[in-house]
Amino acid sequence: MRIARRSSVVARHLHTRAAPRALAERHTSSRSQEESQPTASRLPDDGLTLADFMPKGPSSATRAPAVRKPPWLKMVNPNLTQEGGERYKQVRATVKQSGLATVCQEARCPNIGECWSGGTATVMIMGDTCTRGCRFCSVATSRTPPPLDADEPGKIAEAVASWGVNYIVLTMVDRDDLPDQGAAHVAETVRRLKSKQPDLRVETLIGDFQGRFELVDQVVSSGMEVFAHNIETVERLQSTVRDRRAGYAQSLSVLRHARQAREGIVVKSSIMLGLGETDEEVHQTLHDLRDNGVHIVTFGQYLQPTKRHMKVTRFVTPDEFEQWRLAAEALGLHCASGPLVRSSYKAGELYTAAFGKPPVGKLHSAASALGDRQKPVEIRFSAPTLQQQPAAT
């Protein structure tokens, strides 16, 4: 009896000593299980946690590599020749000294090296800030840009005279904040250029002036040779690509009015490819431009200037650009078409090739804006068939 009682006491003593150790082991096991669980599942469900703000996509290590541009979009180095390099530096220095804004710089044109090394630049007047925000354009935007520089027309005339060129393109930012949209300023600049260099040929690449024909008349009557306004893209993509204040029908009406406003004026427009357009839509746009008085059309590849702008849907091949050139010429349009072609790219060469000599019969020819890399093609229109033949070399 005494032995059994002693055994019971010993058992209770051993259990009492083992209990804290078992509790500690259970606590350690429970804590290790909690640590193995995600942080978000262990926190109380009382609101957002840090995990809610972490990126949900794949890490940078597994992200797909950036799509490289095709080889045909390589740009020309202005320092390929000593003469070209010096000419590029001369134009760059003149632009910097004059304080002029060039669309070559502001719009990050891919041809700045090639054009400047050839002594040609496109001057952007009325400042470097636009009142519109098109999704393809990298020019700065503001509702209230700085006021116009009244001395700018004279400065531009002096600077262009120092370049020694015989063809200049004037382009402008949209100035919806001004009562006349800047039309009087453009016209005065053209007159100053002509006064300084009577033989200078001037192309004005302007906005739509909100469709106000009286403002278009001011520019047309200033004495320039080429009236250019870009349709930019096909009708379906207008609201996606351009500012809401622009429009397909409005641009066509401006082009048509310019053609009717002065006899002998040359009308020009431009189309970007690679924005999601279809072949049928491009064909329709060519027909619409032709039917509204356009003489010259250019095709170029859209290139995304920054990550904030529209993405490129695809890179159009040089062969496709050549087909669009032929399609435009088949409609009687003079055309420059190529991946790096822009509306003002080698504008003087295109104008001279198309209108520098009196037309012979019904011959329509266009200079390739790709220079010596692509052989020009002449298309003769003689009803009822179309005869195509290579240009003489």
Protein backbone atom coordinates (compact mmCIF):
# COMPACT_ATOMS: atom_id res chain seq x y z
CA MET A 1 0.00 0.00 0.00
CA ARG A 2 2.77 2.38 0.95
CA ILE A 3 4.73 1.38 -2.16
CA ALA A 4 1.76 2.05 -4.47
CA ARG A 5 1.22 5.53 -2.94
CA ARG A 6 4.90 6.36 -3.40
CA SER A 7 4.71 5.34 -7.08
CA SER A 8 1.71 7.59 -7.62
CA VAL A 9 3.57 10.58 -6.11
CA VAL A 10 6.60 9.96 -8.33
CA ALA A 11 4.38 9.77 -11.42
CA ARG A 12 2.71 13.06 -10.58
CA HIS A 13 6.10 14.69 -10.01
CA LEU A 14 7.41 13.49 -13.35
CA HIS A 15 4.28 14.73 -15.15
CA THR A 16 4.58 18.13 -13.46
CA ARG A 17 8.21 18.47 -14.62
CA ALA A 18 7.37 17.34 -18.19
CA ALA A 19 4.40 19.65 -18.67
CA PRO A 20 6.38 22.91 -19.16
CA ARG A 21 8.69 21.19 -21.61
CA ALA A 22 5.71 19.87 -23.65
CA LEU A 23 4.08 23.30 -23.64
CA ALA A 24 7.31 24.90 -24.84
CA GLU A 25 7.63 22.32 -27.60
CA ARG A 26 4.03 22.90 -28.72
CA HIS A 27 4.58 26.72 -28.72
CA THR A 28 7.78 26.33 -30.77
CA SER A 29 6.02 24.08 -33.28
CA SER A 30 3.08 26.49 -33.57
CA ARG A 31 5.40 29.47 -34.14
CA SER A 32 7.37 27.64 -36.84
CA GLN A 33 4.11 26.78 -38.60
CA GLU A 34 3.05 30.44 -38.51
CA GLU A 35 6.42 31.59 -39.87
CA SER A 36 6.07 29.18 -42.77
CA GLN A 37 2.77 30.79 -43.76
CA PRO A 38 2.63 33.95 -46.00
CA THR A 39 2.70 37.25 -44.13
CA ALA A 40 -0.65 38.34 -45.54
CA SER A 41 -2.41 35.20 -44.15
CA ARG A 42 -1.01 35.71 -40.63
CA LEU A 43 -2.09 39.34 -40.31
CA PRO A 44 -5.61 40.17 -39.17
CA ASP A 45 -8.04 40.85 -42.00
CA ASP A 46 -8.57 44.47 -41.06
CA GLY A 47 -7.38 46.33 -44.18
CA LEU A 48 -4.68 46.57 -46.86
CA THR A 49 -1.18 45.29 -46.17
CA LEU A 50 2.16 45.82 -47.87
CA ALA A 51 1.52 42.73 -50.01
CA ASP A 52 -1.43 44.52 -51.62
CA PHE A 53 0.92 47.16 -53.04
CA MET A 54 3.59 44.82 -54.39
CA PRO A 55 3.73 44.19 -58.19
CA LYS A 56 1.54 41.28 -59.21
CA GLY A 57 3.23 40.63 -62.58
CA PRO A 58 6.36 38.65 -63.34
CA SER A 59 9.66 39.85 -61.98
CA SER A 60 12.16 41.75 -64.13
CA ALA A 61 14.21 38.60 -64.38
CA THR A 62 11.40 36.76 -66.20
CA ARG A 63 10.04 39.76 -68.16
CA ALA A 64 10.02 39.37 -71.93
CA PRO A 65 12.85 41.26 -73.67
CA ALA A 66 12.02 44.50 -75.48
CA VAL A 67 11.19 44.19 -79.16
CA ARG A 68 14.12 45.39 -81.20
CA LYS A 69 13.63 47.67 -84.16
CA PRO A 70 14.22 46.05 -87.53
CA PRO A 71 17.52 46.80 -89.30
CA TRP A 72 15.91 49.03 -91.93
CA LEU A 73 15.15 51.63 -89.23
CA LYS A 74 18.82 52.41 -88.63
CA MET A 75 19.53 56.12 -88.88
CA VAL A 76 22.24 57.86 -90.87
CA ASN A 77 25.28 59.04 -88.92
CA PRO A 78 26.05 62.64 -89.94
CA ASN A 79 29.75 62.02 -89.35
CA LEU A 80 30.07 59.34 -92.02
CA THR A 81 31.88 61.92 -94.14
CA GLN A 82 33.95 64.87 -93.02
CA GLU A 83 31.88 67.27 -95.13
CA GLY A 84 28.59 65.91 -93.77
CA GLY A 85 29.82 66.14 -90.19
CA GLU A 86 30.91 69.74 -90.61
CA ARG A 87 27.61 70.70 -92.24
CA TYR A 88 25.66 69.05 -89.42
CA LYS A 89 27.65 70.98 -86.80
CA GLN A 90 27.16 74.22 -88.72
CA VAL A 91 23.38 73.87 -88.86
CA ARG A 92 23.24 72.81 -85.20
CA ALA A 93 25.32 75.82 -84.14
CA THR A 94 23.19 78.21 -86.21
CA VAL A 95 19.98 76.84 -84.71
CA LYS A 96 21.39 77.16 -81.19
CA GLN A 97 22.62 80.72 -81.71
CA SER A 98 19.35 81.90 -83.20
CA GLY A 99 17.27 80.32 -80.45
CA LEU A 100 14.96 78.80 -83.06
CA ALA A 101 12.92 75.69 -82.34
CA THR A 102 13.18 72.98 -84.98
CA VAL A 103 10.74 70.15 -85.39
CA CYS A 104 13.80 67.99 -86.00
CA GLN A 105 14.66 68.32 -82.32
CA GLU A 106 11.27 68.82 -80.68
CA ALA A 107 9.61 65.87 -82.45
CA ARG A 108 12.75 63.69 -82.20
CA CYS A 109 12.82 63.14 -85.93
CA PRO A 110 14.87 60.06 -86.90
CA ASN A 111 16.31 61.87 -89.92
CA ILE A 112 17.93 64.77 -88.09
CA GLY A 113 21.44 63.52 -88.87
CA GLU A 114 20.79 62.96 -92.56
CA CYS A 115 18.89 66.21 -93.13
CA TRP A 116 21.14 68.49 -91.10
CA SER A 117 24.27 67.04 -92.66
CA GLY A 118 22.68 67.95 -96.00
CA GLY A 119 22.12 71.54 -94.83
CA THR A 120 18.33 71.33 -94.46
CA ALA A 121 16.20 71.82 -91.36
CA THR A 122 12.52 72.24 -90.68
CA VAL A 123 11.84 75.29 -88.52
CA MET A 124 9.04 75.18 -85.97
CA ILE A 125 7.61 78.63 -85.31
CA MET A 126 5.46 80.09 -82.52
CA GLY A 127 7.44 78.38 -79.78
CA ASP A 128 8.01 74.80 -78.72
CA THR A 129 4.77 74.24 -76.77
CA CYS A 130 1.53 73.05 -78.38
CA THR A 131 -2.01 73.44 -77.07
CA ARG A 132 -2.96 69.97 -78.29
CA GLY A 133 -1.96 66.56 -77.00
CA CYS A 134 -1.82 64.03 -79.82
CA ARG A 135 -0.79 60.56 -78.64
CA PHE A 136 1.92 60.13 -81.26
CA CYS A 137 3.71 63.47 -80.81
CA SER A 138 6.47 64.30 -78.31
CA VAL A 139 6.19 68.10 -78.55
CA ALA A 140 5.46 69.68 -75.15
CA THR A 141 1.84 70.64 -74.49
CA SER A 142 0.13 73.30 -72.39
CA ARG A 143 -3.22 75.08 -72.29
CA THR A 144 -1.44 78.41 -71.93
CA PRO A 145 1.85 78.44 -73.87
CA PRO A 146 4.16 81.47 -73.68
CA PRO A 147 3.19 84.50 -75.82
CA LEU A 148 4.46 84.77 -79.39
CA ASP A 149 7.77 86.46 -80.13
CA ALA A 150 6.96 89.38 -82.42
CA ASP A 151 10.57 89.42 -83.65
CA GLU A 152 10.56 85.75 -84.62
CA PRO A 153 9.72 86.23 -88.34
CA GLY A 154 12.75 88.48 -88.79
CA LYS A 155 15.02 86.16 -86.81
CA ILE A 156 13.96 83.19 -88.93
CA ALA A 157 14.58 85.09 -92.18
CA GLU A 158 18.10 86.00 -91.05
CA ALA A 159 18.91 82.47 -89.87
CA VAL A 160 17.62 80.75 -93.02
CA ALA A 161 19.58 83.18 -95.19
CA SER A 162 22.76 82.15 -93.35
CA TRP A 163 22.12 78.47 -94.10
CA GLY A 164 22.35 78.99 -97.83
CA VAL A 165 19.40 76.71 -98.66
CA ASN A 166 16.87 77.22 -101.45
CA TYR A 167 13.95 75.34 -99.84
CA ILE A 168 12.67 75.70 -96.31
CA VAL A 169 9.82 74.03 -94.43
CA LEU A 170 7.97 76.05 -91.80
CA THR A 171 5.92 74.07 -89.36
CA MET A 172 3.97 75.27 -86.36
CA VAL A 173 2.62 74.18 -83.03
CA ASP A 174 -1.15 74.44 -82.64
CA ARG A 175 -2.11 77.63 -80.80
CA ASP A 176 -5.78 77.26 -79.96
CA ASP A 177 -5.24 79.88 -77.25
CA LEU A 178 -4.81 82.68 -79.82
CA PRO A 179 -7.77 84.41 -81.53
CA ASP A 180 -6.32 83.75 -85.01
CA GLN A 181 -4.60 80.45 -84.09
CA GLY A 182 -1.30 82.08 -85.17
CA ALA A 183 -2.22 82.42 -88.86
CA ALA A 184 -1.01 86.04 -89.09
CA HIS A 185 2.32 85.05 -87.54
CA VAL A 186 2.83 82.27 -90.10
CA ALA A 187 1.95 84.60 -92.99
CA GLU A 188 4.35 87.29 -91.75
CA THR A 189 7.16 84.75 -91.46
CA VAL A 190 6.64 83.65 -95.06
CA ARG A 191 6.68 87.26 -96.25
CA ARG A 192 9.91 87.99 -94.37
CA LEU A 193 11.56 84.89 -95.86
CA LYS A 194 10.52 85.89 -99.38
CA SER A 195 11.67 89.47 -98.83
CA LYS A 196 15.11 88.27 -97.74
CA GLN A 197 15.42 85.57 -100.44
CA PRO A 198 12.99 86.07 -103.35
CA ASP A 199 14.02 82.77 -104.96
CA LEU A 200 13.50 80.77 -101.76
CA ARG A 201 10.78 78.13 -101.98
CA VAL A 202 8.70 77.89 -98.83
CA GLU A 203 6.57 75.00 -97.62
CA THR A 204 4.21 75.61 -94.70
CA LEU A 205 3.23 72.57 -92.64
CA ILE A 206 0.40 73.92 -90.54
CA GLY A 207 -2.46 72.85 -88.29
CA ASP A 208 -6.13 72.81 -89.12
CA PHE A 209 -6.95 76.24 -87.60
CA GLN A 210 -10.07 74.54 -86.18
CA GLY A 211 -11.43 74.44 -89.72
CA ARG A 212 -11.64 78.24 -90.06
CA PHE A 213 -11.16 78.96 -93.76
CA GLU A 214 -10.45 82.67 -93.31
CA LEU A 215 -7.31 81.72 -91.38
CA VAL A 216 -6.29 79.25 -94.07
CA ASP A 217 -6.64 82.09 -96.61
CA GLN A 218 -4.15 84.22 -94.66
CA VAL A 219 -1.45 81.57 -95.02
CA VAL A 220 -2.27 80.68 -98.63
CA SER A 221 -2.05 84.33 -99.71
CA SER A 222 1.34 84.88 -98.05
CA GLY A 223 3.24 83.64 -101.11
CA MET A 224 4.44 80.17 -100.13
CA GLU A 225 4.65 77.39 -102.74
CA VAL A 226 3.45 74.32 -100.80
CA PHE A 227 0.53 74.13 -98.36
CA ALA A 228 0.96 71.04 -96.17
CA HIS A 229 -1.42 69.70 -93.55
CA ASN A 230 -1.19 66.12 -92.29
CA ILE A 231 -4.17 63.79 -92.15
CA GLU A 232 -1.89 61.57 -89.96
CA THR A 233 -3.90 58.33 -90.02
CA VAL A 234 -7.02 56.63 -91.36
CA GLU A 235 -10.51 57.80 -90.39
CA ARG A 236 -11.21 55.02 -87.85
CA LEU A 237 -8.10 55.83 -85.77
CA GLN A 238 -8.43 59.62 -85.72
CA SER A 239 -9.86 59.89 -82.20
CA THR A 240 -7.29 57.43 -80.87
CA VAL A 241 -4.24 58.99 -82.47
CA ARG A 242 -4.99 62.71 -82.65
CA ASP A 243 -6.23 65.34 -80.23
CA ARG A 244 -10.01 65.49 -79.83
CA ARG A 245 -10.09 68.91 -81.52
CA ALA A 246 -8.72 67.43 -84.75
CA GLY A 247 -10.71 65.30 -87.16
CA TYR A 248 -10.65 63.49 -90.47
CA ALA A 249 -13.39 65.52 -92.17
CA GLN A 250 -12.00 68.79 -90.80
CA SER A 251 -8.52 68.09 -92.17
CA LEU A 252 -9.90 67.15 -95.59
CA SER A 253 -11.93 70.36 -95.71
CA VAL A 254 -8.83 72.44 -94.92
CA LEU A 255 -6.85 70.74 -97.69
CA ARG A 256 -9.69 71.16 -100.17
CA HIS A 257 -10.11 74.86 -99.35
CA ALA A 258 -6.38 75.55 -99.70
CA ARG A 259 -6.39 73.95 -103.16
CA GLN A 260 -9.35 76.10 -104.23
CA ALA A 261 -8.12 79.32 -102.64
CA ARG A 262 -5.18 79.98 -104.97
CA GLU A 263 -4.36 78.77 -108.44
CA GLY A 264 -1.04 76.99 -108.79
CA ILE A 265 -0.63 76.12 -105.12
CA VAL A 266 0.72 72.66 -104.28
CA VAL A 267 -1.14 70.76 -101.53
CA LYS A 268 0.53 68.05 -99.47
CA SER A 269 -0.37 65.61 -96.69
CA SER A 270 1.15 62.71 -94.78
CA ILE A 271 0.10 59.31 -93.41
CA MET A 272 1.75 57.30 -90.63
CA LEU A 273 1.73 53.50 -90.81
CA GLY A 274 2.07 51.02 -87.95
CA LEU A 275 -0.83 52.33 -85.83
CA GLY A 276 -3.27 49.49 -86.48
CA GLU A 277 -4.69 50.55 -89.83
CA THR A 278 -5.83 48.09 -92.51
CA ASP A 279 -4.85 48.12 -96.19
CA GLU A 280 -8.41 48.93 -97.20
CA GLU A 281 -8.47 51.94 -94.87
CA VAL A 282 -5.18 53.25 -96.27
CA HIS A 283 -6.48 52.89 -99.82
CA GLN A 284 -9.61 54.82 -98.87
CA THR A 285 -7.52 57.58 -97.28
CA LEU A 286 -5.50 57.91 -100.50
CA HIS A 287 -8.71 58.26 -102.49
CA ASP A 288 -10.04 60.88 -100.06
CA LEU A 289 -6.83 62.91 -100.22
CA ARG A 290 -6.81 62.79 -104.01
CA ASP A 291 -10.47 63.78 -104.22
CA ASN A 292 -9.87 66.76 -101.92
CA GLY A 293 -7.12 68.35 -103.98
CA VAL A 294 -3.91 66.86 -102.57
CA HIS A 295 -0.93 66.65 -104.96
CA ILE A 296 1.77 65.09 -102.74
CA VAL A 297 1.45 62.42 -100.06
CA THR A 298 4.12 60.85 -97.88
CA PHE A 299 4.14 57.54 -96.00
CA GLY A 300 6.30 56.89 -92.96
CA GLN A 301 6.64 54.41 -90.10
CA TYR A 302 5.23 55.55 -86.76
CA LEU A 303 7.91 55.33 -84.06
CA GLN A 304 6.96 55.60 -80.39
CA PRO A 305 8.88 58.65 -79.07
CA THR A 306 8.54 57.79 -75.35
CA LYS A 307 6.86 55.15 -73.19
CA ARG A 308 4.01 57.59 -72.53
CA HIS A 309 2.97 57.61 -76.19
CA MET A 310 1.10 55.13 -78.36
CA LYS A 311 2.79 51.81 -78.98
CA VAL A 312 3.73 50.63 -82.45
CA THR A 313 1.40 47.87 -83.62
CA ARG A 314 3.86 46.61 -86.23
CA PHE A 315 6.88 47.62 -88.30
CA VAL A 316 5.98 47.97 -91.96
CA THR A 317 8.60 46.55 -94.31
CA PRO A 318 10.36 48.59 -97.03
CA ASP A 319 8.67 46.41 -99.67
CA GLU A 320 5.25 47.39 -98.33
CA PHE A 321 6.21 51.06 -98.38
CA GLU A 322 7.22 50.66 -102.01
CA GLN A 323 3.81 49.18 -102.79
CA TRP A 324 2.09 52.14 -101.14
CA ARG A 325 4.20 54.49 -103.23
CA LEU A 326 3.06 52.76 -106.39
CA ALA A 327 -0.56 52.74 -105.18
CA ALA A 328 -0.44 56.50 -104.56
CA GLU A 329 1.12 57.18 -107.95
CA ALA A 330 -1.52 55.02 -109.62
CA LEU A 331 -4.06 57.55 -108.31
CA GLY A 332 -2.07 60.42 -109.81
CA LEU A 333 -0.41 61.48 -106.56
CA HIS A 334 3.27 62.33 -106.18
CA CYS A 335 4.57 60.21 -103.33
CA ALA A 336 7.52 59.66 -101.02
CA SER A 337 7.26 56.43 -99.04
CA GLY A 338 9.70 54.71 -96.70
CA PRO A 339 10.16 53.65 -93.08
CA LEU A 340 12.04 56.82 -92.10
CA VAL A 341 10.16 59.22 -94.35
CA ARG A 342 8.46 62.14 -92.61
CA SER A 343 6.24 64.83 -94.10
CA SER A 344 9.13 67.30 -94.40
CA TYR A 345 11.90 64.77 -95.12
CA LYS A 346 13.84 65.91 -98.20
CA ALA A 347 10.84 68.06 -99.05
CA GLY A 348 12.79 70.19 -101.49
CA GLU A 349 13.96 67.19 -103.50
CA LEU A 350 10.43 65.80 -103.73
CA TYR A 351 8.98 69.14 -104.79
CA THR A 352 11.67 69.64 -107.44
CA ALA A 353 11.19 66.14 -108.82
CA ALA A 354 7.42 66.57 -108.99
CA PHE A 355 7.06 70.23 -110.04
CA GLY A 356 10.54 71.52 -110.82
CA LYS A 357 10.00 70.92 -114.55
CA PRO A 358 6.87 71.45 -116.62
CA PRO A 359 4.82 68.23 -116.84
CA VAL A 360 5.01 66.38 -120.16
CA GLY A 361 1.64 65.02 -121.30
CA LYS A 362 0.15 62.82 -118.60
CA LEU A 363 3.39 61.75 -117.01
CA HIS A 364 3.32 61.53 -113.22
CA SER A 365 6.59 60.86 -111.45
CA ALA A 366 7.69 60.88 -107.84
CA ALA A 367 11.10 61.03 -106.23
CA SER A 368 11.83 58.32 -103.73
CA ALA A 369 12.59 59.85 -100.36
CA LEU A 370 15.01 56.99 -99.77
CA GLY A 371 17.54 58.66 -102.09
CA ASP A 372 19.97 56.47 -103.99
CA ARG A 373 18.92 53.38 -102.07
CA GLN A 374 15.74 53.04 -104.09
CA LYS A 375 15.30 53.49 -107.84
CA PRO A 376 12.52 55.91 -108.85
CA VAL A 377 9.62 54.55 -110.82
CA GLU A 378 7.56 56.43 -113.36
CA ILE A 379 3.94 55.51 -113.96
CA ARG A 380 2.29 56.64 -117.18
CA PHE A 381 -1.46 57.04 -117.21
CA SER A 382 -2.95 56.44 -120.64
CA ALA A 383 -6.55 55.37 -120.79
CA PRO A 384 -7.72 52.74 -120.57
CA THR A 385 -4.67 50.83 -119.29
CA LEU A 386 -1.88 51.62 -116.83
CA GLN A 387 1.65 51.18 -118.11
CA GLN A 388 4.51 51.02 -115.62
CA GLN A 389 8.17 51.26 -116.51
CA PRO A 390 11.45 51.91 -114.65
CA ALA A 391 12.93 55.37 -114.84
CA ALA A 392 15.95 55.92 -117.03
CA THR A 393 19.24 55.68 -115.22
